[in-house]
Amino acid sequence: MTASDFLTTTRTFYDAVADDYAEHFRDVLTVSPVDRALLVAFAELVGEGRRVADLGCGPGRVTGFLASLGLAISGLDLSESMLAIARRENPGIRFERGSMLSLDGHGDGSLDGVVSWYSSIHTPVDALPALFAEFHRVLAPGGPLLLAFQVGDEPRRHERPWGHAVTLDFQRRRPERITELLAAAGFAPLSCTVREADPEHGESTPHAFLIARKP
């Protein structure tokens, strides 16, 4: 699959499911104290008022939460339908459409922090080095990256979610392998947190949260 193919497939999927997705995950941070605490820790590492991008921001829940912690944050996503929800619910935050693989709107070293909250899970493994290199490029020295993803070895295919005629694979990754790829891109690891799945909220696999710095 080419970069154009997976970007188009991902955009089509989220354009179709945006409203249902946003409603289904509306309270995800409220019911996930570990996830929330890691976002707070990331915000403290970056520093109040510093420039951050939420890349693959979806409906903007994490973007809005980080803004409430004092970060000067913007959001980027492939899906215009997701962005419409994000803009409606976070009118004071700038949201733009684009690809994480080509952050043309951000110069070298222009960001103090980068968040990729479950947004790398549709990127093919052979494109991850280019993705992490782009994250490294836009970060200022010392800037942290927060990466969240589900743990595992096999993808989970979602077919016809909420009755929509779309299909998308959600990749599971191993934290140790992602740490290796981040190191190869020039990042220094700072922390790795893995929490168990929460079946009460529909989870079936552990979740990983990696924080790394650009030296």
C-alpha atoms as a PDB file:
ATOM      1  CA  MET A   1       0.000   0.000   0.000  1.00  0.00           C
ATOM      2  CA  THR A   2       1.395   3.411  -0.961  1.00  0.00           C
ATOM      3  CA  ALA A   3       1.347   6.467   1.307  1.00  0.00           C
ATOM      4  CA  SER A   4      -1.426   7.915  -0.825  1.00  0.00           C
ATOM      5  CA  ASP A   5      -3.477   4.710  -0.484  1.00  0.00           C
ATOM      6  CA  PHE A   6      -3.385   4.477   3.300  1.00  0.00           C
ATOM      7  CA  LEU A   7      -3.953   8.202   3.758  1.00  0.00           C
ATOM      8  CA  THR A   8      -7.000   8.080   1.501  1.00  0.00           C
ATOM      9  CA  THR A   9      -8.361   4.971   3.230  1.00  0.00           C
ATOM     10  CA  THR A  10      -7.869   6.521   6.669  1.00  0.00           C
ATOM     11  CA  ARG A  11      -9.461   9.828   5.661  1.00  0.00           C
ATOM     12  CA  THR A  12     -12.458   8.090   4.097  1.00  0.00           C
ATOM     13  CA  PHE A  13     -12.991   5.948   7.195  1.00  0.00           C
ATOM     14  CA  TYR A  14     -12.950   8.843   9.663  1.00  0.00           C
ATOM     15  CA  ASP A  15     -15.004  11.130   7.463  1.00  0.00           C
ATOM     16  CA  ALA A  16     -17.711   8.441   7.517  1.00  0.00           C
ATOM     17  CA  VAL A  17     -17.664   7.681  11.249  1.00  0.00           C
ATOM     18  CA  ALA A  18     -16.770  11.091  12.732  1.00  0.00           C
ATOM     19  CA  ASP A  19     -20.033  11.861  14.527  1.00  0.00           C
ATOM     20  CA  ASP A  20     -20.447   8.351  15.965  1.00  0.00           C
ATOM     21  CA  TYR A  21     -16.779   8.157  16.938  1.00  0.00           C
ATOM     22  CA  ALA A  22     -16.874  11.510  18.728  1.00  0.00           C
ATOM     23  CA  GLU A  23     -19.960  10.527  20.694  1.00  0.00           C
ATOM     24  CA  HIS A  24     -18.662   7.058  21.567  1.00  0.00           C
ATOM     25  CA  PHE A  25     -15.365   8.415  22.942  1.00  0.00           C
ATOM     26  CA  ARG A  26     -16.788  11.607  24.445  1.00  0.00           C
ATOM     27  CA  ASP A  27     -15.883  10.657  28.043  1.00  0.00           C
ATOM     28  CA  VAL A  28     -12.728   8.670  27.336  1.00  0.00           C
ATOM     29  CA  LEU A  29     -10.443  10.913  29.417  1.00  0.00           C
ATOM     30  CA  THR A  30     -12.959  11.128  32.251  1.00  0.00           C
ATOM     31  CA  VAL A  31     -12.948   7.344  32.698  1.00  0.00           C
ATOM     32  CA  SER A  32      -9.182   6.872  32.092  1.00  0.00           C
ATOM     33  CA  PRO A  33      -7.241   8.432  34.984  1.00  0.00           C
ATOM     34  CA  VAL A  34      -3.921   6.886  33.897  1.00  0.00           C
ATOM     35  CA  ASP A  35      -4.249   8.368  30.405  1.00  0.00           C
ATOM     36  CA  ARG A  36      -5.230  11.727  31.864  1.00  0.00           C
ATOM     37  CA  ALA A  37      -2.286  11.717  34.267  1.00  0.00           C
ATOM     38  CA  LEU A  38       0.163  11.060  31.444  1.00  0.00           C
ATOM     39  CA  LEU A  39      -1.221  14.012  29.497  1.00  0.00           C
ATOM     40  CA  VAL A  40      -0.777  16.178  32.587  1.00  0.00           C
ATOM     41  CA  ALA A  41       2.821  14.950  32.944  1.00  0.00           C
ATOM     42  CA  PHE A  42       3.476  15.731  29.278  1.00  0.00           C
ATOM     43  CA  ALA A  43       2.081  19.253  29.708  1.00  0.00           C
ATOM     44  CA  GLU A  44       4.389  19.835  32.681  1.00  0.00           C
ATOM     45  CA  LEU A  45       7.383  18.606  30.682  1.00  0.00           C
ATOM     46  CA  VAL A  46       6.565  21.036  27.869  1.00  0.00           C
ATOM     47  CA  GLY A  47       5.787  24.044  30.057  1.00  0.00           C
ATOM     48  CA  GLU A  48       2.862  26.437  30.224  1.00  0.00           C
ATOM     49  CA  GLY A  49       2.390  28.618  27.160  1.00  0.00           C
ATOM     50  CA  ARG A  50       4.729  26.573  24.970  1.00  0.00           C
ATOM     51  CA  ARG A  51       3.884  25.568  21.403  1.00  0.00           C
ATOM     52  CA  VAL A  52       2.473  22.061  20.897  1.00  0.00           C
ATOM     53  CA  ALA A  53       0.823  20.237  17.990  1.00  0.00           C
ATOM     54  CA  ASP A  54      -1.720  17.433  18.439  1.00  0.00           C
ATOM     55  CA  LEU A  55      -1.073  15.441  15.273  1.00  0.00           C
ATOM     56  CA  GLY A  56      -3.977  13.263  14.226  1.00  0.00           C
ATOM     57  CA  CYS A  57      -6.213  15.141  16.646  1.00  0.00           C
ATOM     58  CA  GLY A  58      -9.562  13.622  15.604  1.00  0.00           C
ATOM     59  CA  PRO A  59     -12.470  15.411  17.302  1.00  0.00           C
ATOM     60  CA  GLY A  60     -10.097  17.446  19.463  1.00  0.00           C
ATOM     61  CA  ARG A  61     -10.738  15.974  22.925  1.00  0.00           C
ATOM     62  CA  VAL A  62      -7.054  15.651  23.810  1.00  0.00           C
ATOM     63  CA  THR A  63      -6.311  18.987  22.131  1.00  0.00           C
ATOM     64  CA  GLY A  64      -8.888  20.754  24.289  1.00  0.00           C
ATOM     65  CA  PHE A  65      -7.686  19.030  27.451  1.00  0.00           C
ATOM     66  CA  LEU A  66      -4.082  20.062  26.855  1.00  0.00           C
ATOM     67  CA  ALA A  67      -5.199  23.614  26.080  1.00  0.00           C
ATOM     68  CA  SER A  68      -6.954  23.664  29.472  1.00  0.00           C
ATOM     69  CA  LEU A  69      -3.567  22.868  31.045  1.00  0.00           C
ATOM     70  CA  GLY A  70      -2.049  26.023  29.584  1.00  0.00           C
ATOM     71  CA  LEU A  71      -0.383  24.799  26.398  1.00  0.00           C
ATOM     72  CA  ALA A  72      -0.473  26.878  23.198  1.00  0.00           C
ATOM     73  CA  ILE A  73      -1.764  23.982  21.137  1.00  0.00           C
ATOM     74  CA  SER A  74      -3.027  23.433  17.607  1.00  0.00           C
ATOM     75  CA  GLY A  75      -4.522  20.347  15.961  1.00  0.00           C
ATOM     76  CA  LEU A  76      -4.026  18.615  12.633  1.00  0.00           C
ATOM     77  CA  ASP A  77      -5.998  15.766  11.104  1.00  0.00           C
ATOM     78  CA  LEU A  78      -6.704  14.123   7.741  1.00  0.00           C
ATOM     79  CA  SER A  79     -10.475  14.111   8.204  1.00  0.00           C
ATOM     80  CA  GLU A  80     -12.422  17.295   7.562  1.00  0.00           C
ATOM     81  CA  SER A  81     -15.430  15.735   9.304  1.00  0.00           C
ATOM     82  CA  MET A  82     -13.375  15.186  12.458  1.00  0.00           C
ATOM     83  CA  LEU A  83     -11.999  18.709  12.213  1.00  0.00           C
ATOM     84  CA  ALA A  84     -15.502  20.171  11.971  1.00  0.00           C
ATOM     85  CA  ILE A  85     -16.310  18.604  15.365  1.00  0.00           C
ATOM     86  CA  ALA A  86     -12.992  19.741  16.838  1.00  0.00           C
ATOM     87  CA  ARG A  87     -13.547  23.334  15.713  1.00  0.00           C
ATOM     88  CA  ARG A  88     -17.125  23.371  16.973  1.00  0.00           C
ATOM     89  CA  GLU A  89     -16.180  22.062  20.416  1.00  0.00           C
ATOM     90  CA  ASN A  90     -12.928  24.051  20.757  1.00  0.00           C
ATOM     91  CA  PRO A  91     -13.580  27.431  19.101  1.00  0.00           C
ATOM     92  CA  GLY A  92     -10.429  29.026  20.511  1.00  0.00           C
ATOM     93  CA  ILE A  93      -8.022  26.456  19.027  1.00  0.00           C
ATOM     94  CA  ARG A  94      -6.615  26.386  15.490  1.00  0.00           C
ATOM     95  CA  PHE A  95      -7.267  23.139  13.619  1.00  0.00           C
ATOM     96  CA  GLU A  96      -5.932  22.378  10.135  1.00  0.00           C
ATOM     97  CA  ARG A  97      -6.272  19.515   7.675  1.00  0.00           C
ATOM     98  CA  GLY A  98      -3.096  17.716   6.684  1.00  0.00           C
ATOM     99  CA  SER A  99      -0.882  14.664   7.006  1.00  0.00           C
ATOM    100  CA  MET A 100       1.504  13.943   9.867  1.00  0.00           C
ATOM    101  CA  LEU A 101       3.987  12.681   7.280  1.00  0.00           C
ATOM    102  CA  SER A 102       4.349  16.125   5.730  1.00  0.00           C
ATOM    103  CA  LEU A 103       4.161  18.901   8.324  1.00  0.00           C
ATOM    104  CA  ASP A 104       4.721  21.715   5.842  1.00  0.00           C
ATOM    105  CA  GLY A 105       3.086  24.259   8.152  1.00  0.00           C
ATOM    106  CA  HIS A 106       5.763  23.755  10.807  1.00  0.00           C
ATOM    107  CA  GLY A 107       9.361  24.810  10.373  1.00  0.00           C
ATOM    108  CA  ASP A 108      12.387  22.987  11.706  1.00  0.00           C
ATOM    109  CA  GLY A 109      12.455  23.180  15.504  1.00  0.00           C
ATOM    110  CA  SER A 110       9.267  25.256  15.616  1.00  0.00           C
ATOM    111  CA  LEU A 111       7.405  23.190  18.246  1.00  0.00           C
ATOM    112  CA  ASP A 112       8.058  22.675  21.943  1.00  0.00           C
ATOM    113  CA  GLY A 113       6.038  19.441  22.072  1.00  0.00           C
ATOM    114  CA  VAL A 114       4.298  16.915  19.831  1.00  0.00           C
ATOM    115  CA  VAL A 115       1.395  14.594  20.688  1.00  0.00           C
ATOM    116  CA  SER A 116       0.463  11.572  18.580  1.00  0.00           C
ATOM    117  CA  TRP A 117      -2.447  10.129  20.571  1.00  0.00           C
ATOM    118  CA  TYR A 118      -3.416   6.850  18.867  1.00  0.00           C
ATOM    119  CA  SER A 119      -2.824   8.563  15.518  1.00  0.00           C
ATOM    120  CA  SER A 120       0.144   6.496  14.279  1.00  0.00           C
ATOM    121  CA  ILE A 121      -1.868   3.271  14.397  1.00  0.00           C
ATOM    122  CA  HIS A 122      -2.892   3.474  10.728  1.00  0.00           C
ATOM    123  CA  THR A 123       0.632   4.201   9.471  1.00  0.00           C
ATOM    124  CA  PRO A 124       2.261   1.136   7.868  1.00  0.00           C
ATOM    125  CA  VAL A 125       5.314  -0.059   9.756  1.00  0.00           C
ATOM    126  CA  ASP A 126       7.644   0.758   6.862  1.00  0.00           C
ATOM    127  CA  ALA A 127       6.477   4.394   6.966  1.00  0.00           C
ATOM    128  CA  LEU A 128       7.099   4.825  10.722  1.00  0.00           C
ATOM    129  CA  PRO A 129      10.775   5.883  10.299  1.00  0.00           C
ATOM    130  CA  ALA A 130       9.699   8.743   8.008  1.00  0.00           C
ATOM    131  CA  LEU A 131       6.896   9.695  10.419  1.00  0.00           C
ATOM    132  CA  PHE A 132       9.201   9.799  13.439  1.00  0.00           C
ATOM    133  CA  ALA A 133      11.811  11.734  11.445  1.00  0.00           C
ATOM    134  CA  GLU A 134       9.180  14.381  10.697  1.00  0.00           C
ATOM    135  CA  PHE A 135       8.236  14.581  14.381  1.00  0.00           C
ATOM    136  CA  HIS A 136      11.938  15.028  15.196  1.00  0.00           C
ATOM    137  CA  ARG A 137      12.354  17.743  12.561  1.00  0.00           C
ATOM    138  CA  VAL A 138       9.607  20.010  13.878  1.00  0.00           C
ATOM    139  CA  LEU A 139      10.565  19.687  17.553  1.00  0.00           C
ATOM    140  CA  ALA A 140      12.910  22.146  19.208  1.00  0.00           C
ATOM    141  CA  PRO A 141      15.845  20.655  21.148  1.00  0.00           C
ATOM    142  CA  GLY A 142      14.589  19.322  24.465  1.00  0.00           C
ATOM    143  CA  GLY A 143      11.019  19.061  23.219  1.00  0.00           C
ATOM    144  CA  PRO A 144       9.052  15.951  24.239  1.00  0.00           C
ATOM    145  CA  LEU A 145       6.985  13.625  22.064  1.00  0.00           C
ATOM    146  CA  LEU A 146       4.051  11.713  23.552  1.00  0.00           C
ATOM    147  CA  LEU A 147       3.011   8.645  21.578  1.00  0.00           C
ATOM    148  CA  ALA A 148       0.003   6.455  22.503  1.00  0.00           C
ATOM    149  CA  PHE A 149      -1.004   3.171  20.851  1.00  0.00           C
ATOM    150  CA  GLN A 150      -2.475  -0.255  21.532  1.00  0.00           C
ATOM    151  CA  VAL A 151      -0.078  -3.108  22.315  1.00  0.00           C
ATOM    152  CA  GLY A 152       0.052  -6.289  20.263  1.00  0.00           C
ATOM    153  CA  ASP A 153       1.369  -8.066  17.189  1.00  0.00           C
ATOM    154  CA  GLU A 154      -1.658  -8.333  14.911  1.00  0.00           C
ATOM    155  CA  PRO A 155      -3.934  -5.568  13.606  1.00  0.00           C
ATOM    156  CA  ARG A 156      -7.589  -5.367  14.494  1.00  0.00           C
ATOM    157  CA  ARG A 157      -9.858  -4.818  11.516  1.00  0.00           C
ATOM    158  CA  HIS A 158     -12.937  -2.657  12.020  1.00  0.00           C
ATOM    159  CA  GLU A 159     -15.579  -3.381   9.396  1.00  0.00           C
ATOM    160  CA  ARG A 160     -18.791  -1.372   9.029  1.00  0.00           C
ATOM    161  CA  PRO A 161     -18.504   0.458  12.388  1.00  0.00           C
ATOM    162  CA  TRP A 162     -21.856   1.912  13.460  1.00  0.00           C
ATOM    163  CA  GLY A 163     -23.266   0.599  10.184  1.00  0.00           C
ATOM    164  CA  HIS A 164     -21.035   2.712   7.912  1.00  0.00           C
ATOM    165  CA  ALA A 165     -19.747   1.018   4.750  1.00  0.00           C
ATOM    166  CA  VAL A 166     -16.031   1.483   5.550  1.00  0.00           C
ATOM    167  CA  THR A 167     -13.200  -0.736   6.810  1.00  0.00           C
ATOM    168  CA  LEU A 168      -9.873   0.101   8.438  1.00  0.00           C
ATOM    169  CA  ASP A 169      -7.067  -1.815  10.152  1.00  0.00           C
ATOM    170  CA  PHE A 170      -5.921  -0.594  13.572  1.00  0.00           C
ATOM    171  CA  GLN A 171      -2.280  -1.599  14.044  1.00  0.00           C
ATOM    172  CA  ARG A 172      -1.004  -2.905  17.363  1.00  0.00           C
ATOM    173  CA  ARG A 173       2.673  -2.309  18.192  1.00  0.00           C
ATOM    174  CA  ARG A 174       5.259  -3.508  20.689  1.00  0.00           C
ATOM    175  CA  PRO A 175       6.631  -0.686  22.893  1.00  0.00           C
ATOM    176  CA  GLU A 176      10.195  -1.972  22.668  1.00  0.00           C
ATOM    177  CA  ARG A 177      10.096  -1.897  18.849  1.00  0.00           C
ATOM    178  CA  ILE A 178       8.635   1.610  18.753  1.00  0.00           C
ATOM    179  CA  THR A 179      11.306   2.735  21.230  1.00  0.00           C
ATOM    180  CA  GLU A 180      13.955   1.379  18.851  1.00  0.00           C
ATOM    181  CA  LEU A 181      12.450   3.251  15.908  1.00  0.00           C
ATOM    182  CA  LEU A 182      12.257   6.471  17.926  1.00  0.00           C
ATOM    183  CA  ALA A 183      15.917   6.087  18.912  1.00  0.00           C
ATOM    184  CA  ALA A 184      16.856   5.562  15.270  1.00  0.00           C
ATOM    185  CA  ALA A 185      15.053   8.828  14.467  1.00  0.00           C
ATOM    186  CA  GLY A 186      17.177  10.648  17.044  1.00  0.00           C
ATOM    187  CA  PHE A 187      14.912  10.596  20.104  1.00  0.00           C
ATOM    188  CA  ALA A 188      16.055   9.859  23.640  1.00  0.00           C
ATOM    189  CA  PRO A 189      13.552   7.721  25.612  1.00  0.00           C
ATOM    190  CA  LEU A 190      12.144   9.268  28.759  1.00  0.00           C
ATOM    191  CA  SER A 191       9.340   6.946  29.911  1.00  0.00           C
ATOM    192  CA  CYS A 192       7.299   3.933  28.879  1.00  0.00           C
ATOM    193  CA  THR A 193       3.951   3.227  30.545  1.00  0.00           C
ATOM    194  CA  VAL A 194       1.800   0.207  29.711  1.00  0.00           C
ATOM    195  CA  ARG A 195      -1.615  -0.155  31.297  1.00  0.00           C
ATOM    196  CA  GLU A 196      -3.857  -3.169  31.053  1.00  0.00           C
ATOM    197  CA  ALA A 197      -7.021  -3.208  28.976  1.00  0.00           C
ATOM    198  CA  ASP A 198     -10.226  -1.953  30.573  1.00  0.00           C
ATOM    199  CA  PRO A 199     -12.943  -4.427  29.448  1.00  0.00           C
ATOM    200  CA  GLU A 200     -15.669  -2.308  31.071  1.00  0.00           C
ATOM    201  CA  HIS A 201     -14.987   0.323  28.437  1.00  0.00           C
ATOM    202  CA  GLY A 202     -14.613  -2.034  25.494  1.00  0.00           C
ATOM    203  CA  GLU A 203     -10.840  -2.489  25.502  1.00  0.00           C
ATOM    204  CA  SER A 204      -9.293  -5.834  24.608  1.00  0.00           C
ATOM    205  CA  THR A 205      -5.561  -5.105  24.570  1.00  0.00           C
ATOM    206  CA  PRO A 206      -3.051  -3.206  26.733  1.00  0.00           C
ATOM    207  CA  HIS A 207      -2.230   0.415  25.894  1.00  0.00           C
ATOM    208  CA  ALA A 208       1.247   1.926  25.676  1.00  0.00           C
ATOM    209  CA  PHE A 209       2.328   5.524  26.269  1.00  0.00           C
ATOM    210  CA  LEU A 210       5.865   6.498  25.294  1.00  0.00           C
ATOM    211  CA  ILE A 211       7.479   9.846  26.065  1.00  0.00           C
ATOM    212  CA  ALA A 212      10.740  10.672  24.333  1.00  0.00           C
ATOM    213  CA  ARG A 213      12.777  13.866  23.949  1.00  0.00           C
ATOM    214  CA  LYS A 214      14.639  15.426  21.082  1.00  0.00           C
ATOM    215  CA  PRO A 215      18.128  15.951  22.570  1.00  0.00           C
END
